[in-house]
Amino acid sequence: MVIAVHPRTTHTTASTLTTVRLPSLRHFGPNWYASVMGTAIVATAGAGLPVDAAVAPGLRTACAAVWALSAAMLAVVLTARAAHWAGHRDQARAHLVDPAIAPFYGCLSMALLAVGIGTLTVGQDVIGETAAVATAATLFGAGTLIGLAATVVVPYLMVVRQRVAPGTASPVWLLPVVSPMVSASLGPLLVPHLPAGQWREAMLLASYAMFGVSLLATLIILPVVFSRLIHHGPLPLALTPTLFLVLGPLGQSTTAVNKLADVAPGAIQAQYAQGFGAFAVIYGVPVMGFALMWLVLATAMVVRAAREGMPFTMSWWAFTFPVGTCVTGAEGLAHHTGLAALEWLAVGLYALLVTAWAVTGFRTLRGLFSGALLAAPGQT
């Protein structure tokens, strides 16, 4: 009996092993960079919280660990995306002319820049200041060039190659134009490491120019998105989390002006430096107010969608990075105003960020291992 069963068991095992296949990367799109952004911002925002080390012991160490995770994720996603282009070029080109996917190419830039910001913020605790500055400068250069290219190329393709149906405007359209704003937040961190004089002033003003590029482009797109909601109703259930993407340019611009104000005194004439400091508060406070209003509106829409069966998709990563930018924006305003209310706001938003990151990360891992997130659309 045992001898008769044993060969059959061995045969079945061998047969099973021959059918095991690695998951295909054919549908591994640029939206996966959002997971890198959402992880990196957890480290950056946590390191800047206005809390005493005695109150939250080990916080900075935990943030450094999360930064290391985001750097590893960046390496993995870059490799997978390179394999996607090499092995599925037809699909990659199709993504470029798909108005629902092409905007996510802006996430490549923001993933590089977000890890770069984390490198200077907490990464230097791990790799040292010299290596951190060199790494951040490299990521800044690559991320900025890619981001500026995406800011022009993606809208260009939407006009001349893609066919965008009326009433289909989406918050996803903001992704390509937000990346220069992330550059405007990393640039100031590099200013103190540049030679005094022309180099520092050039970096400061270049960062401020990218702030303008992103802000004005956002002011063009945001009314179109809101008009779509008013005239055509709520977004499809699976896309409802993308409403949180509106928080990205709001929180990131507030973060940028505050970081620019921090380094302006050592990079530009005193009268302009004072103006930078005043503008950080004059601009940041009302924009943060609007961001909080939109956060409540978007949350209400998500709750509604959840009750109607909103499925898990990679769009859930919209709950992370945009909220994280509001945390860093509130931290900057708290620093420049000294208001305890803004400190509590930053802490509260960070708690929301960590919760969203943990839930989304867990669901992503589960979908990745099951193969659901790598399946062709309509096959999940």
Protein backbone atom coordinates (compact mmCIF):
# COMPACT_ATOMS: atom_id res chain seq x y z
CA MET A 1 0.00 0.00 0.00
CA VAL A 2 2.72 2.47 0.94
CA ILE A 3 4.79 1.59 -2.11
CA ALA A 4 1.81 2.08 -4.40
CA VAL A 5 0.96 5.52 -3.01
CA HIS A 6 4.47 6.95 -2.84
CA PRO A 7 5.20 7.14 -6.60
CA ARG A 8 1.82 8.79 -7.20
CA THR A 9 2.52 11.43 -4.55
CA THR A 10 5.94 12.16 -6.02
CA HIS A 11 4.49 12.44 -9.50
CA THR A 12 1.82 14.86 -8.33
CA THR A 13 4.38 17.07 -6.58
CA ALA A 14 6.62 17.21 -9.62
CA SER A 15 3.68 18.00 -11.85
CA THR A 16 2.63 20.78 -9.54
CA LEU A 17 6.10 22.27 -9.50
CA THR A 18 6.26 22.39 -13.28
CA THR A 19 3.09 24.52 -13.38
CA VAL A 20 4.39 27.18 -10.99
CA ARG A 21 5.06 30.41 -12.85
CA LEU A 22 6.42 33.73 -11.77
CA PRO A 23 3.85 36.54 -11.90
CA SER A 24 3.84 38.50 -15.15
CA LEU A 25 4.93 42.14 -15.13
CA ARG A 26 2.87 42.96 -18.20
CA HIS A 27 0.39 45.00 -16.17
CA PHE A 28 2.91 46.42 -13.70
CA GLY A 29 2.21 50.10 -14.32
CA PRO A 30 3.77 53.37 -13.17
CA ASN A 31 1.13 53.64 -10.42
CA TRP A 32 3.33 51.33 -8.32
CA TYR A 33 5.66 54.27 -7.66
CA ALA A 34 2.89 55.62 -5.44
CA SER A 35 3.71 52.93 -2.87
CA VAL A 36 7.27 54.28 -2.67
CA MET A 37 6.03 57.84 -2.22
CA GLY A 38 3.53 56.81 0.43
CA THR A 39 6.19 54.96 2.41
CA ALA A 40 8.88 57.65 2.16
CA ILE A 41 6.55 60.37 3.42
CA VAL A 42 5.86 58.35 6.59
CA ALA A 43 9.56 58.64 7.46
CA THR A 44 9.89 62.30 6.51
CA ALA A 45 6.74 63.47 8.25
CA GLY A 46 7.49 61.46 11.38
CA ALA A 47 10.97 62.91 11.72
CA GLY A 48 9.59 66.46 11.64
CA LEU A 49 6.86 66.03 14.24
CA PRO A 50 7.01 68.72 16.96
CA VAL A 51 7.20 66.20 19.79
CA ASP A 52 9.86 65.71 22.42
CA ALA A 53 12.04 62.62 22.15
CA ALA A 54 11.03 61.67 25.69
CA VAL A 55 7.37 61.60 24.64
CA ALA A 56 8.00 59.39 21.60
CA PRO A 57 11.20 57.43 22.23
CA GLY A 58 12.49 55.56 19.22
CA LEU A 59 10.46 57.65 16.76
CA ARG A 60 13.47 58.79 14.75
CA THR A 61 14.90 55.26 14.66
CA ALA A 62 11.56 53.97 13.38
CA CYS A 63 11.50 56.72 10.75
CA ALA A 64 14.99 55.76 9.61
CA ALA A 65 13.83 52.16 9.24
CA VAL A 66 10.84 53.25 7.16
CA TRP A 67 13.12 55.39 4.99
CA ALA A 68 15.35 52.35 4.39
CA LEU A 69 12.25 50.39 3.40
CA SER A 70 11.21 53.12 0.95
CA ALA A 71 14.69 53.12 -0.61
CA ALA A 72 14.54 49.34 -1.04
CA MET A 73 11.06 49.60 -2.53
CA LEU A 74 12.30 52.23 -4.97
CA ALA A 75 15.04 49.89 -6.16
CA VAL A 76 12.57 47.03 -6.60
CA VAL A 77 9.98 49.09 -8.46
CA LEU A 78 12.60 50.69 -10.73
CA THR A 79 13.88 47.21 -11.61
CA ALA A 80 10.39 45.87 -12.26
CA ARG A 81 9.48 48.86 -14.40
CA ALA A 82 12.68 48.45 -16.42
CA ALA A 83 11.77 44.79 -16.96
CA HIS A 84 8.28 45.89 -17.99
CA TRP A 85 9.66 48.21 -20.66
CA ALA A 86 12.11 45.58 -21.85
CA GLY A 87 9.64 42.70 -22.00
CA HIS A 88 6.31 44.40 -22.66
CA ARG A 89 7.14 47.47 -24.71
CA ASP A 90 3.79 47.41 -26.50
CA GLN A 91 1.95 47.63 -23.19
CA ALA A 92 4.28 50.36 -21.93
CA ARG A 93 3.59 52.44 -25.03
CA ALA A 94 -0.12 51.83 -24.65
CA HIS A 95 0.11 53.26 -21.12
CA LEU A 96 1.52 56.51 -22.52
CA VAL A 97 -1.57 57.10 -24.66
CA ASP A 98 -4.03 55.99 -21.98
CA PRO A 99 -5.37 59.11 -20.20
CA ALA A 100 -6.11 57.00 -17.11
CA ILE A 101 -2.52 55.70 -16.76
CA ALA A 102 -0.19 58.25 -18.40
CA PRO A 103 -0.47 60.79 -15.53
CA PHE A 104 1.09 58.22 -13.18
CA TYR A 105 4.41 58.76 -14.92
CA GLY A 106 4.65 61.79 -12.65
CA CYS A 107 4.91 59.36 -9.75
CA LEU A 108 8.35 58.22 -10.95
CA SER A 109 9.70 61.70 -10.32
CA MET A 110 7.97 62.03 -6.95
CA ALA A 111 9.19 58.62 -5.80
CA LEU A 112 12.79 59.63 -6.50
CA LEU A 113 12.34 62.98 -4.80
CA ALA A 114 10.45 61.60 -1.79
CA VAL A 115 13.23 59.12 -1.08
CA GLY A 116 15.73 61.96 -1.59
CA ILE A 117 13.99 64.09 1.02
CA GLY A 118 13.98 61.18 3.42
CA THR A 119 17.67 60.61 2.76
CA LEU A 120 18.57 64.09 3.98
CA THR A 121 15.98 64.09 6.77
CA VAL A 122 16.66 60.74 8.47
CA GLY A 123 18.78 58.71 6.07
CA GLN A 124 21.97 60.45 7.10
CA ASP A 125 21.57 58.80 10.51
CA VAL A 126 22.17 55.52 8.70
CA ILE A 127 24.58 56.28 5.85
CA GLY A 128 26.30 59.45 7.09
CA GLU A 129 25.99 63.06 5.98
CA THR A 130 28.38 62.91 3.02
CA ALA A 131 26.69 59.91 1.42
CA ALA A 132 23.25 61.32 2.21
CA VAL A 133 23.97 64.63 0.50
CA ALA A 134 25.42 62.91 -2.57
CA THR A 135 22.47 60.53 -2.79
CA ALA A 136 19.89 63.26 -2.30
CA ALA A 137 21.58 65.47 -4.90
CA THR A 138 21.51 62.63 -7.43
CA LEU A 139 17.86 61.87 -6.73
CA PHE A 140 17.06 65.58 -6.90
CA GLY A 141 18.68 65.93 -10.33
CA ALA A 142 17.03 62.83 -11.78
CA GLY A 143 13.66 63.47 -10.16
CA THR A 144 13.55 67.11 -11.20
CA LEU A 145 14.43 66.44 -14.84
CA ILE A 146 11.87 63.63 -15.06
CA GLY A 147 9.26 65.72 -13.26
CA LEU A 148 9.67 68.75 -15.52
CA ALA A 149 9.51 66.46 -18.55
CA ALA A 150 6.32 64.81 -17.26
CA THR A 151 4.78 68.22 -16.57
CA VAL A 152 5.03 69.00 -20.28
CA VAL A 153 4.91 65.61 -22.02
CA VAL A 154 1.85 64.15 -20.28
CA PRO A 155 -0.41 67.18 -20.96
CA TYR A 156 0.99 67.31 -24.52
CA LEU A 157 0.01 63.68 -25.12
CA MET A 158 -3.43 64.33 -23.65
CA VAL A 159 -3.93 67.06 -26.24
CA VAL A 160 -2.46 65.50 -29.40
CA ARG A 161 -2.55 61.71 -28.90
CA GLN A 162 -5.10 60.76 -26.28
CA ARG A 163 -8.86 61.02 -26.70
CA VAL A 164 -10.26 62.36 -23.45
CA ALA A 165 -14.03 62.09 -23.29
CA PRO A 166 -16.02 65.01 -21.84
CA GLY A 167 -16.78 64.64 -18.15
CA THR A 168 -13.85 62.32 -17.43
CA ALA A 169 -11.58 64.78 -15.62
CA SER A 170 -9.88 63.10 -12.68
CA PRO A 171 -7.68 64.15 -9.74
CA VAL A 172 -5.10 61.82 -11.31
CA TRP A 173 -4.45 64.62 -13.81
CA LEU A 174 -2.69 66.47 -10.99
CA LEU A 175 0.08 63.87 -10.67
CA PRO A 176 2.40 65.10 -13.46
CA VAL A 177 2.21 68.73 -12.37
CA VAL A 178 2.76 68.14 -8.64
CA SER A 179 6.25 66.69 -9.10
CA PRO A 180 7.98 70.10 -9.52
CA MET A 181 6.46 71.07 -6.17
CA VAL A 182 8.21 68.11 -4.56
CA SER A 183 11.45 69.35 -6.16
CA ALA A 184 10.72 72.73 -4.61
CA SER A 185 10.69 71.00 -1.21
CA LEU A 186 13.92 69.04 -1.70
CA GLY A 187 15.88 71.93 -3.22
CA PRO A 188 15.92 73.97 0.01
CA LEU A 189 17.37 71.00 1.90
CA LEU A 190 20.35 71.05 -0.44
CA VAL A 191 20.92 74.82 -0.18
CA PRO A 192 23.06 74.71 3.02
CA HIS A 193 25.35 72.15 1.38
CA LEU A 194 26.13 74.41 -1.60
CA PRO A 195 28.84 77.11 -1.74
CA ALA A 196 27.67 80.46 -0.39
CA GLY A 197 26.67 83.09 -2.91
CA GLN A 198 25.48 82.38 -6.43
CA TRP A 199 25.03 78.63 -5.97
CA ARG A 200 22.74 78.94 -2.98
CA GLU A 201 20.71 81.77 -4.47
CA ALA A 202 20.34 79.91 -7.76
CA MET A 203 19.04 76.78 -6.02
CA LEU A 204 16.68 78.83 -3.87
CA LEU A 205 15.17 80.72 -6.80
CA ALA A 206 15.07 77.63 -9.03
CA SER A 207 13.10 75.85 -6.33
CA TYR A 208 10.80 78.84 -6.06
CA ALA A 209 10.31 78.81 -9.84
CA MET A 210 9.30 75.13 -9.69
CA PHE A 211 6.86 76.05 -6.93
CA GLY A 212 5.30 78.49 -9.41
CA VAL A 213 5.21 75.97 -12.26
CA SER A 214 3.33 73.45 -10.15
CA LEU A 215 1.04 75.92 -8.41
CA LEU A 216 -0.18 77.62 -11.59
CA ALA A 217 -0.69 74.29 -13.37
CA THR A 218 -2.69 73.06 -10.36
CA LEU A 219 -4.87 76.17 -10.48
CA ILE A 220 -5.73 75.28 -14.08
CA ILE A 221 -6.57 71.63 -13.43
CA LEU A 222 -8.33 71.76 -10.06
CA PRO A 223 -11.40 73.76 -11.27
CA VAL A 224 -11.84 71.25 -14.12
CA VAL A 225 -11.83 68.38 -11.64
CA PHE A 226 -14.33 70.06 -9.33
CA SER A 227 -16.55 70.95 -12.30
CA ARG A 228 -16.59 67.29 -13.31
CA LEU A 229 -17.77 66.32 -9.82
CA ILE A 230 -20.52 68.94 -9.78
CA HIS A 231 -21.86 68.23 -13.27
CA HIS A 232 -21.32 64.46 -13.53
CA GLY A 233 -21.60 63.25 -9.96
CA PRO A 234 -19.24 61.14 -7.82
CA LEU A 235 -16.26 59.32 -9.26
CA PRO A 236 -16.51 55.57 -9.93
CA LEU A 237 -16.10 53.60 -6.70
CA ALA A 238 -12.61 52.34 -7.50
CA LEU A 239 -11.40 55.88 -8.26
CA THR A 240 -12.94 57.59 -5.22
CA PRO A 241 -9.67 57.45 -3.19
CA THR A 242 -8.04 59.64 -5.86
CA LEU A 243 -9.97 62.59 -4.43
CA PHE A 244 -7.23 62.66 -1.78
CA LEU A 245 -4.72 63.53 -4.51
CA VAL A 246 -5.99 67.11 -4.38
CA LEU A 247 -4.34 67.38 -0.98
CA GLY A 248 -0.94 66.77 -2.62
CA PRO A 249 -0.34 70.17 -4.24
CA LEU A 250 -1.96 71.92 -1.26
CA GLY A 251 0.15 70.30 1.43
CA GLN A 252 3.31 70.11 -0.68
CA SER A 253 3.15 73.79 -1.64
CA THR A 254 2.75 74.75 2.02
CA THR A 255 5.71 72.54 2.85
CA ALA A 256 7.77 74.08 0.06
CA VAL A 257 7.24 77.72 1.04
CA ASN A 258 8.11 76.96 4.65
CA LYS A 259 11.30 75.11 3.72
CA LEU A 260 12.27 77.91 1.35
CA ALA A 261 11.73 80.41 4.16
CA ASP A 262 13.99 78.36 6.46
CA VAL A 263 17.04 78.64 4.18
CA ALA A 264 16.41 82.04 2.60
CA PRO A 265 18.41 84.07 5.19
CA GLY A 266 21.65 82.35 4.19
CA ALA A 267 20.99 82.37 0.46
CA ILE A 268 19.51 85.73 -0.57
CA GLN A 269 19.46 89.39 0.47
CA ALA A 270 17.87 90.16 3.82
CA GLN A 271 14.85 92.04 2.48
CA TYR A 272 13.90 89.11 0.23
CA ALA A 273 14.58 86.60 3.00
CA GLN A 274 12.10 88.45 5.24
CA GLY A 275 9.57 88.33 2.40
CA PHE A 276 10.04 84.59 2.07
CA GLY A 277 9.33 84.18 5.79
CA ALA A 278 6.19 86.30 5.68
CA PHE A 279 4.89 84.61 2.55
CA ALA A 280 5.30 81.17 4.12
CA VAL A 281 2.65 82.06 6.70
CA ILE A 282 0.48 84.31 4.51
CA TYR A 283 0.24 81.61 1.86
CA GLY A 284 0.40 78.51 4.02
CA VAL A 285 -2.37 79.21 6.53
CA PRO A 286 -5.25 79.74 4.06
CA VAL A 287 -4.08 76.90 1.83
CA MET A 288 -3.94 74.57 4.83
CA GLY A 289 -7.45 75.69 5.70
CA PHE A 290 -8.66 74.74 2.23
CA ALA A 291 -6.78 71.42 2.49
CA LEU A 292 -8.64 70.57 5.69
CA MET A 293 -11.96 71.40 4.03
CA TRP A 294 -11.10 69.14 1.09
CA LEU A 295 -9.95 66.40 3.48
CA VAL A 296 -13.38 66.36 5.12
CA LEU A 297 -15.15 66.40 1.72
CA ALA A 298 -12.98 63.62 0.31
CA THR A 299 -13.42 61.54 3.47
CA ALA A 300 -17.20 61.86 3.22
CA MET A 301 -17.05 60.70 -0.41
CA VAL A 302 -14.85 57.73 0.53
CA VAL A 303 -17.21 56.71 3.35
CA ARG A 304 -20.09 56.84 0.87
CA ALA A 305 -18.15 54.76 -1.64
CA ALA A 306 -17.14 52.23 1.03
CA ARG A 307 -20.77 51.69 1.95
CA GLU A 308 -21.48 50.95 -1.72
CA GLY A 309 -18.68 48.39 -1.96
CA MET A 310 -15.55 50.33 -2.92
CA PRO A 311 -12.95 47.70 -3.89
CA PHE A 312 -9.29 47.72 -2.99
CA THR A 313 -7.03 48.98 -5.78
CA MET A 314 -3.67 50.71 -5.99
CA SER A 315 -5.62 53.99 -5.86
CA TRP A 316 -5.73 53.50 -2.08
CA TRP A 317 -2.15 54.80 -1.96
CA ALA A 318 -3.74 58.22 -2.51
CA PHE A 319 -4.57 58.06 1.21
CA THR A 320 -0.86 58.26 2.09
CA PHE A 321 1.45 60.71 0.31
CA PRO A 322 -1.08 63.58 -0.04
CA VAL A 323 -1.98 63.35 3.65
CA GLY A 324 1.74 63.22 4.46
CA THR A 325 2.32 66.50 2.65
CA CYS A 326 -0.33 68.09 4.86
CA VAL A 327 1.57 66.78 7.89
CA THR A 328 4.83 68.37 6.71
CA GLY A 329 2.95 71.55 5.78
CA ALA A 330 1.45 71.79 9.27
CA GLU A 331 4.87 71.12 10.80
CA GLY A 332 6.37 74.01 8.82
CA LEU A 333 3.60 76.39 9.83
CA ALA A 334 3.91 75.33 13.47
CA HIS A 335 7.62 76.12 13.32
CA HIS A 336 7.10 79.59 11.85
CA THR A 337 4.11 80.61 13.94
CA GLY A 338 4.72 78.78 17.22
CA LEU A 339 1.04 77.84 17.45
CA ALA A 340 0.38 74.75 19.55
CA ALA A 341 -2.83 74.16 17.55
CA LEU A 342 -0.76 73.56 14.41
CA GLU A 343 1.49 71.18 16.31
CA TRP A 344 -1.53 69.14 17.38
CA LEU A 345 -2.83 69.26 13.82
CA ALA A 346 0.43 67.79 12.55
CA VAL A 347 0.32 65.00 15.14
CA GLY A 348 -3.32 64.18 14.37
CA LEU A 349 -2.74 64.08 10.62
CA TYR A 350 0.33 61.90 11.15
CA ALA A 351 -1.76 59.38 13.08
CA LEU A 352 -4.15 59.31 10.12
CA LEU A 353 -1.22 58.87 7.73
CA VAL A 354 0.30 55.94 9.61
CA THR A 355 -3.08 54.20 9.84
CA ALA A 356 -3.72 54.64 6.12
CA TRP A 357 -0.20 53.45 5.28
CA ALA A 358 -0.49 50.33 7.43
CA VAL A 359 -3.89 49.33 6.02
CA THR A 360 -2.96 50.08 2.41
CA GLY A 361 0.41 48.40 2.71
CA PHE A 362 -1.13 45.23 4.14
CA ARG A 363 -3.81 45.10 1.43
CA THR A 364 -1.15 45.70 -1.24
CA LEU A 365 1.02 42.83 -0.01
CA ARG A 366 -2.00 40.55 0.07
CA GLY A 367 -3.01 41.53 -3.45
CA LEU A 368 0.55 41.16 -4.68
CA PHE A 369 1.04 37.66 -3.29
CA SER A 370 -2.37 36.54 -4.54
CA GLY A 371 -1.59 37.92 -7.99
CA ALA A 372 -4.74 40.07 -8.05
CA LEU A 373 -2.82 43.34 -8.40
CA LEU A 374 -0.75 42.02 -11.31
CA ALA A 375 -3.68 40.59 -13.25
CA ALA A 376 -5.03 42.17 -16.41
CA PRO A 377 -7.88 44.68 -15.87
CA GLY A 378 -11.18 42.87 -15.63
CA GLN A 379 -9.58 39.57 -14.54
CA THR A 380 -9.59 40.25 -10.77
